[in-house]
């Protein structure tokens, strides 16, 4: 299994737009691409930190999703709303 963990901070005042894109677009893209599980994580307190955790059976399926036109369009839409992002893939034995 491959676990992708993405953490990012939205720009000030852009939290609601990021939240909407995460819930309504990002989660469905991952599910439709074959993610076993996907979790969109929202700020708990008064901060602008978000996260996405997705679990994949095969790395190839994950890479196909990341290279899809729909995902790339979403990333372009999110780019001006986000100030920092960390994207890491882990292997689960």
Protein backbone atom coordinates (compact mmCIF):
# COMPACT_ATOMS: atom_id res chain seq x y z
CA UNK A 1 0.00 0.00 0.00
CA UNK A 2 1.06 3.56 -0.66
CA UNK A 3 -0.06 6.40 1.59
CA UNK A 4 0.10 9.93 0.27
CA UNK A 5 0.07 12.73 2.83
CA UNK A 6 -0.32 16.30 1.60
CA UNK A 7 -0.35 19.21 4.02
CA UNK A 8 -0.86 22.80 2.99
CA UNK A 9 -1.74 26.24 4.29
CA UNK A 10 -4.31 28.40 2.60
CA UNK A 11 -3.74 32.09 2.11
CA UNK A 12 -5.55 34.36 4.54
CA UNK A 13 -9.21 34.65 3.63
CA UNK A 14 -9.12 31.75 1.14
CA UNK A 15 -10.06 29.01 3.62
CA UNK A 16 -13.66 28.59 2.48
CA UNK A 17 -12.72 28.27 -1.18
CA UNK A 18 -10.02 25.69 -0.32
CA UNK A 19 -12.50 23.80 1.87
CA UNK A 20 -15.06 23.69 -0.96
CA UNK A 21 -12.54 22.51 -3.56
CA UNK A 22 -11.25 19.86 -1.16
CA UNK A 23 -14.65 18.45 -0.33
CA UNK A 24 -16.34 18.76 -3.71
CA UNK A 25 -13.50 18.17 -6.16
CA UNK A 26 -10.34 16.74 -4.59
CA UNK A 27 -11.98 13.89 -2.66
CA UNK A 28 -14.07 12.71 -5.66
CA UNK A 29 -11.02 12.84 -7.98
CA UNK A 30 -9.09 10.55 -5.61
CA UNK A 31 -12.02 8.15 -5.14
CA UNK A 32 -12.80 7.91 -8.84
CA UNK A 33 -9.11 7.30 -9.64
CA UNK A 34 -9.02 4.25 -7.38
CA UNK A 35 -7.93 5.45 -3.95
CA UNK A 36 -8.78 2.86 -1.28
CA UNK A 37 -9.40 5.63 1.26
CA UNK A 38 -9.18 9.41 1.10
CA UNK A 39 -9.53 11.90 3.94
CA UNK A 40 -9.71 15.67 3.55
CA UNK A 41 -8.53 17.23 6.81
CA UNK A 42 -9.71 20.69 7.80
CA UNK A 43 -8.38 23.17 10.37
CA UNK A 44 -9.36 22.33 13.93
CA UNK A 45 -8.62 25.66 15.54
CA UNK A 46 -8.07 29.17 14.29
CA UNK A 47 -5.52 28.30 11.63
CA UNK A 48 -5.37 27.78 7.90
CA UNK A 49 -3.75 24.31 7.75
CA UNK A 50 -5.38 21.60 5.66
CA UNK A 51 -4.38 18.07 4.79
CA UNK A 52 -5.22 15.16 2.52
CA UNK A 53 -4.44 11.53 3.28
CA UNK A 54 -5.05 8.99 0.53
CA UNK A 55 -4.32 5.27 0.49
CA UNK A 56 -3.50 3.46 -2.75
CA UNK A 57 -2.96 -0.22 -3.57
CA UNK A 58 -0.52 0.59 -6.36
CA UNK A 59 1.79 3.53 -6.90
CA UNK A 60 0.99 3.45 -10.62
CA UNK A 61 -2.68 4.23 -9.88
CA UNK A 62 -1.63 7.19 -7.72
CA UNK A 63 0.72 8.50 -10.42
CA UNK A 64 -2.00 8.15 -13.06
CA UNK A 65 -4.33 10.26 -10.91
CA UNK A 66 -1.62 12.90 -10.32
CA UNK A 67 -1.04 13.15 -14.08
CA UNK A 68 -4.72 13.29 -15.02
CA UNK A 69 -6.10 16.38 -16.70
CA UNK A 70 -8.78 16.80 -14.05
CA UNK A 71 -6.27 16.71 -11.19
CA UNK A 72 -3.91 19.12 -12.94
CA UNK A 73 -6.78 21.56 -13.49
CA UNK A 74 -7.61 21.37 -9.77
CA UNK A 75 -3.99 22.06 -8.82
CA UNK A 76 -3.98 25.13 -11.07
CA UNK A 77 -7.17 26.35 -9.40
CA UNK A 78 -5.74 25.75 -5.91
CA UNK A 79 -2.30 27.30 -6.57
CA UNK A 80 -3.29 30.95 -6.02
CA UNK A 81 -5.17 29.98 -2.82
CA UNK A 82 -2.27 28.16 -1.12
CA UNK A 83 0.89 29.61 0.41
CA UNK A 84 2.80 26.38 1.18
CA UNK A 85 2.46 22.67 0.45
CA UNK A 86 4.26 19.45 1.40
CA UNK A 87 3.53 16.26 -0.56
CA UNK A 88 4.96 12.95 0.72
CA UNK A 89 4.31 9.33 -0.25
CA UNK A 90 4.92 6.54 2.26
CA UNK A 91 4.97 2.78 1.82
CA UNK A 92 2.90 0.68 4.21
CA UNK A 93 4.04 -2.90 4.68
